[in-house]
Amino acid sequence: MKKAKPIESLADLAILSNAQVQALTSFGHTQLWNLVKSGQFPKPIRLSTQRVGWKSCDVREWILSRPTGGAYFNVGNANAAKRKRRANGLKH
């Protein structure tokens, strides 16, 4: 008989609600579901006829796989530059 693999923490078994996933990712409801439908975010599991949840380990892995720098953060700098130009009375 195989010995069961020990669970590192109870959090590995947690089921996250839609609201919890939105809070962790800062995505709104529509954006979250669009990412799920396009295969860019883990699919939830069905808990009942009207309720779904995400495995916390799946969401954790997705978060850890996200880039931590580069082009994603240049958008904020571009927006800051636009605001500065507008403040100085310049367009674009």
N, C-alpha and C. Protein backbone atom coordinates (compact mmCIF):
# COMPACT_ATOMS: atom_id res chain seq x y z
N MET A 1 0.84 -1.18 0.00
CA MET A 1 0.00 0.00 0.00
C MET A 1 0.88 1.25 0.00
N LYS A 2 0.55 2.19 -0.91
CA LYS A 2 1.33 3.42 -0.99
C LYS A 2 1.04 4.32 0.19
N LYS A 3 2.09 4.94 0.63
CA LYS A 3 1.94 5.91 1.71
C LYS A 3 1.52 7.26 1.11
N ALA A 4 0.54 7.91 1.70
CA ALA A 4 0.05 9.19 1.20
C ALA A 4 1.12 10.26 1.36
N LYS A 5 1.22 11.10 0.35
CA LYS A 5 2.16 12.21 0.40
C LYS A 5 1.68 13.21 1.45
N PRO A 6 2.58 13.64 2.35
CA PRO A 6 2.14 14.58 3.38
C PRO A 6 1.75 15.93 2.78
N ILE A 7 0.74 16.53 3.36
CA ILE A 7 0.30 17.85 2.93
C ILE A 7 1.13 18.88 3.68
N GLU A 8 1.72 19.81 2.92
CA GLU A 8 2.59 20.80 3.55
C GLU A 8 1.81 21.78 4.42
N SER A 9 0.62 22.12 3.99
CA SER A 9 -0.22 22.99 4.81
C SER A 9 -1.67 22.82 4.39
N LEU A 10 -2.57 23.16 5.26
CA LEU A 10 -3.99 23.07 4.94
C LEU A 10 -4.34 24.02 3.80
N ALA A 11 -3.59 25.11 3.65
CA ALA A 11 -3.85 26.07 2.58
C ALA A 11 -3.72 25.42 1.21
N ASP A 12 -2.94 24.33 1.10
CA ASP A 12 -2.83 23.62 -0.17
C ASP A 12 -4.15 23.01 -0.59
N LEU A 13 -5.06 22.83 0.35
CA LEU A 13 -6.35 22.21 0.07
C LEU A 13 -7.50 23.20 0.00
N ALA A 14 -7.23 24.47 0.21
CA ALA A 14 -8.29 25.47 0.28
C ALA A 14 -8.97 25.67 -1.07
N ILE A 15 -10.25 25.94 -1.02
CA ILE A 15 -11.04 26.31 -2.20
C ILE A 15 -11.35 27.80 -2.06
N LEU A 16 -10.97 28.57 -3.08
CA LEU A 16 -11.17 30.01 -3.05
C LEU A 16 -12.44 30.40 -3.79
N SER A 17 -13.18 31.32 -3.24
CA SER A 17 -14.39 31.83 -3.89
C SER A 17 -14.02 32.80 -4.99
N ASN A 18 -15.01 33.15 -5.79
CA ASN A 18 -14.82 34.14 -6.84
C ASN A 18 -14.29 35.45 -6.24
N ALA A 19 -14.90 35.89 -5.16
CA ALA A 19 -14.50 37.14 -4.51
C ALA A 19 -13.06 37.07 -4.00
N GLN A 20 -12.67 35.93 -3.46
CA GLN A 20 -11.31 35.78 -2.96
C GLN A 20 -10.29 35.81 -4.10
N VAL A 21 -10.62 35.16 -5.21
CA VAL A 21 -9.72 35.16 -6.36
C VAL A 21 -9.60 36.57 -6.93
N GLN A 22 -10.71 37.28 -6.99
CA GLN A 22 -10.68 38.66 -7.47
C GLN A 22 -9.81 39.53 -6.57
N ALA A 23 -9.90 39.32 -5.27
CA ALA A 23 -9.09 40.10 -4.33
C ALA A 23 -7.60 39.78 -4.48
N LEU A 24 -7.28 38.51 -4.69
CA LEU A 24 -5.88 38.10 -4.83
C LEU A 24 -5.25 38.58 -6.13
N THR A 25 -6.05 38.65 -7.18
CA THR A 25 -5.52 38.99 -8.50
C THR A 25 -5.78 40.43 -8.92
N SER A 26 -6.66 41.10 -8.23
CA SER A 26 -7.15 42.45 -8.54
C SER A 26 -7.88 42.52 -9.88
N PHE A 27 -8.39 41.38 -10.34
CA PHE A 27 -9.22 41.34 -11.54
C PHE A 27 -10.68 41.55 -11.15
N GLY A 28 -11.43 42.19 -12.03
CA GLY A 28 -12.87 42.26 -11.86
C GLY A 28 -13.50 40.96 -12.33
N HIS A 29 -14.80 40.83 -12.09
CA HIS A 29 -15.53 39.61 -12.44
C HIS A 29 -15.40 39.27 -13.92
N THR A 30 -15.67 40.23 -14.79
CA THR A 30 -15.65 39.98 -16.23
C THR A 30 -14.25 39.63 -16.72
N GLN A 31 -13.25 40.38 -16.26
CA GLN A 31 -11.88 40.11 -16.70
C GLN A 31 -11.43 38.71 -16.26
N LEU A 32 -11.77 38.34 -15.05
CA LEU A 32 -11.41 37.01 -14.55
C LEU A 32 -12.00 35.92 -15.43
N TRP A 33 -13.30 36.02 -15.73
CA TRP A 33 -13.95 34.99 -16.52
C TRP A 33 -13.47 34.99 -17.98
N ASN A 34 -13.12 36.15 -18.50
CA ASN A 34 -12.56 36.19 -19.85
C ASN A 34 -11.22 35.46 -19.90
N LEU A 35 -10.41 35.62 -18.87
CA LEU A 35 -9.13 34.92 -18.80
C LEU A 35 -9.33 33.41 -18.66
N VAL A 36 -10.33 33.00 -17.88
CA VAL A 36 -10.63 31.57 -17.73
C VAL A 36 -11.05 31.00 -19.09
N LYS A 37 -11.97 31.70 -19.77
CA LYS A 37 -12.48 31.21 -21.06
C LYS A 37 -11.38 31.12 -22.11
N SER A 38 -10.41 32.04 -22.06
CA SER A 38 -9.33 32.03 -23.05
C SER A 38 -8.18 31.09 -22.66
N GLY A 39 -8.29 30.43 -21.51
CA GLY A 39 -7.25 29.50 -21.08
C GLY A 39 -6.05 30.15 -20.44
N GLN A 40 -6.15 31.43 -20.11
CA GLN A 40 -5.02 32.15 -19.51
C GLN A 40 -5.06 32.16 -17.99
N PHE A 41 -6.10 31.59 -17.40
CA PHE A 41 -6.23 31.50 -15.95
C PHE A 41 -6.82 30.13 -15.64
N PRO A 42 -6.45 29.53 -14.51
CA PRO A 42 -6.97 28.19 -14.18
C PRO A 42 -8.50 28.13 -14.14
N LYS A 43 -9.03 27.01 -14.60
CA LYS A 43 -10.48 26.81 -14.54
C LYS A 43 -10.89 26.48 -13.12
N PRO A 44 -12.07 26.97 -12.72
CA PRO A 44 -12.57 26.62 -11.39
C PRO A 44 -13.13 25.20 -11.38
N ILE A 45 -13.40 24.71 -10.19
CA ILE A 45 -14.07 23.41 -10.05
C ILE A 45 -15.50 23.68 -9.60
N ARG A 46 -16.42 22.85 -10.04
CA ARG A 46 -17.83 23.01 -9.67
C ARG A 46 -18.03 22.43 -8.28
N LEU A 47 -18.61 23.25 -7.39
CA LEU A 47 -18.88 22.82 -6.01
C LEU A 47 -20.34 22.43 -5.82
N SER A 48 -21.21 23.08 -6.58
CA SER A 48 -22.63 22.74 -6.56
C SER A 48 -23.22 23.26 -7.87
N THR A 49 -24.53 23.20 -8.01
CA THR A 49 -25.14 23.63 -9.26
C THR A 49 -24.95 25.12 -9.51
N GLN A 50 -24.78 25.91 -8.44
CA GLN A 50 -24.66 27.35 -8.61
C GLN A 50 -23.40 27.94 -8.00
N ARG A 51 -22.43 27.09 -7.74
CA ARG A 51 -21.21 27.60 -7.07
C ARG A 51 -19.98 26.92 -7.63
N VAL A 52 -18.95 27.74 -7.87
CA VAL A 52 -17.65 27.23 -8.29
C VAL A 52 -16.59 27.79 -7.36
N GLY A 53 -15.43 27.19 -7.38
CA GLY A 53 -14.30 27.69 -6.59
C GLY A 53 -13.01 27.28 -7.27
N TRP A 54 -11.96 27.93 -6.89
CA TRP A 54 -10.64 27.63 -7.44
C TRP A 54 -9.79 26.97 -6.38
N LYS A 55 -8.99 25.99 -6.79
CA LYS A 55 -8.02 25.39 -5.88
C LYS A 55 -6.97 26.44 -5.59
N SER A 56 -6.69 26.64 -4.32
CA SER A 56 -5.72 27.67 -3.94
C SER A 56 -4.35 27.39 -4.55
N CYS A 57 -3.99 26.11 -4.67
CA CYS A 57 -2.68 25.78 -5.26
C CYS A 57 -2.61 26.19 -6.73
N ASP A 58 -3.73 26.07 -7.47
CA ASP A 58 -3.75 26.49 -8.87
C ASP A 58 -3.58 28.00 -9.00
N VAL A 59 -4.28 28.75 -8.14
CA VAL A 59 -4.20 30.21 -8.18
C VAL A 59 -2.80 30.65 -7.75
N ARG A 60 -2.26 30.00 -6.75
CA ARG A 60 -0.90 30.33 -6.27
C ARG A 60 0.12 30.12 -7.37
N GLU A 61 0.04 28.99 -8.06
CA GLU A 61 0.97 28.70 -9.15
C GLU A 61 0.84 29.74 -10.27
N TRP A 62 -0.39 30.13 -10.58
CA TRP A 62 -0.61 31.13 -11.62
C TRP A 62 0.03 32.46 -11.22
N ILE A 63 -0.18 32.88 -9.98
CA ILE A 63 0.40 34.13 -9.50
C ILE A 63 1.92 34.08 -9.57
N LEU A 64 2.51 32.98 -9.14
CA LEU A 64 3.96 32.85 -9.15
C LEU A 64 4.53 32.81 -10.57
N SER A 65 3.71 32.43 -11.54
CA SER A 65 4.18 32.34 -12.93
C SER A 65 4.15 33.69 -13.64
N ARG A 66 3.58 34.70 -13.03
CA ARG A 66 3.45 36.01 -13.67
C ARG A 66 4.79 36.72 -13.71
N PRO A 67 5.03 37.52 -14.76
CA PRO A 67 6.27 38.28 -14.84
C PRO A 67 6.34 39.32 -13.72
N THR A 68 7.55 39.62 -13.30
CA THR A 68 7.72 40.58 -12.20
C THR A 68 8.29 41.91 -12.65
N GLY A 69 8.46 42.12 -13.93
CA GLY A 69 9.00 43.39 -14.41
C GLY A 69 8.88 43.46 -15.92
N GLY A 70 9.50 44.44 -16.50
CA GLY A 70 9.53 44.54 -17.95
C GLY A 70 8.39 45.37 -18.50
N ALA A 71 7.90 44.95 -19.66
CA ALA A 71 6.91 45.73 -20.42
C ALA A 71 5.63 46.00 -19.64
N TYR A 72 5.23 45.08 -18.77
CA TYR A 72 3.99 45.29 -18.01
C TYR A 72 4.05 46.56 -17.19
N PHE A 73 5.22 46.90 -16.69
CA PHE A 73 5.33 48.04 -15.81
C PHE A 73 5.62 49.34 -16.56
N ASN A 74 5.95 49.26 -17.82
CA ASN A 74 6.18 50.46 -18.61
C ASN A 74 4.89 51.22 -18.89
N VAL A 75 3.75 50.54 -18.83
CA VAL A 75 2.46 51.18 -19.06
C VAL A 75 2.25 52.29 -18.04
N GLY A 76 2.55 52.03 -16.80
CA GLY A 76 2.39 53.04 -15.76
C GLY A 76 3.26 54.25 -16.02
N ASN A 77 4.49 54.02 -16.47
CA ASN A 77 5.39 55.13 -16.78
C ASN A 77 4.87 55.93 -17.96
N ALA A 78 4.31 55.25 -18.96
CA ALA A 78 3.76 55.95 -20.11
C ALA A 78 2.57 56.81 -19.69
N ASN A 79 1.74 56.28 -18.81
CA ASN A 79 0.59 57.06 -18.32
C ASN A 79 1.06 58.26 -17.51
N ALA A 80 2.10 58.08 -16.73
CA ALA A 80 2.64 59.19 -15.95
C ALA A 80 3.18 60.28 -16.87
N ALA A 81 3.84 59.87 -17.95
CA ALA A 81 4.37 60.84 -18.91
C ALA A 81 3.23 61.61 -19.58
N LYS A 82 2.15 60.92 -19.93
CA LYS A 82 0.99 61.58 -20.54
C LYS A 82 0.40 62.61 -19.57
N ARG A 83 0.27 62.22 -18.30
CA ARG A 83 -0.29 63.15 -17.31
C ARG A 83 0.60 64.38 -17.18
N LYS A 84 1.91 64.17 -17.20
CA LYS A 84 2.85 65.29 -17.08
C LYS A 84 2.72 66.23 -18.28
N ARG A 85 2.61 65.66 -19.49
CA ARG A 85 2.47 66.48 -20.68
C ARG A 85 1.16 67.27 -20.64
N ARG A 86 0.08 66.63 -20.21
CA ARG A 86 -1.20 67.32 -20.11
C ARG A 86 -1.13 68.46 -19.11
N ALA A 87 -0.45 68.22 -18.00
CA ALA A 87 -0.31 69.24 -16.96
C ALA A 87 0.45 70.45 -17.49
N ASN A 88 1.35 70.20 -18.44
CA ASN A 88 2.12 71.29 -19.04
C ASN A 88 1.43 71.90 -20.26
N GLY A 89 0.19 71.43 -20.54
CA GLY A 89 -0.58 71.97 -21.64
C GLY A 89 -0.23 71.41 -23.00
N LEU A 90 0.45 70.28 -23.03
CA LEU A 90 0.83 69.64 -24.29
C LEU A 90 -0.11 68.47 -24.59
N LYS A 91 -0.33 68.18 -25.86
CA LYS A 91 -1.14 67.02 -26.25
C LYS A 91 -0.21 65.87 -26.58
N HIS A 92 -0.66 64.67 -26.35
CA HIS A 92 0.02 63.42 -26.67
C HIS A 92 1.41 63.48 -26.16
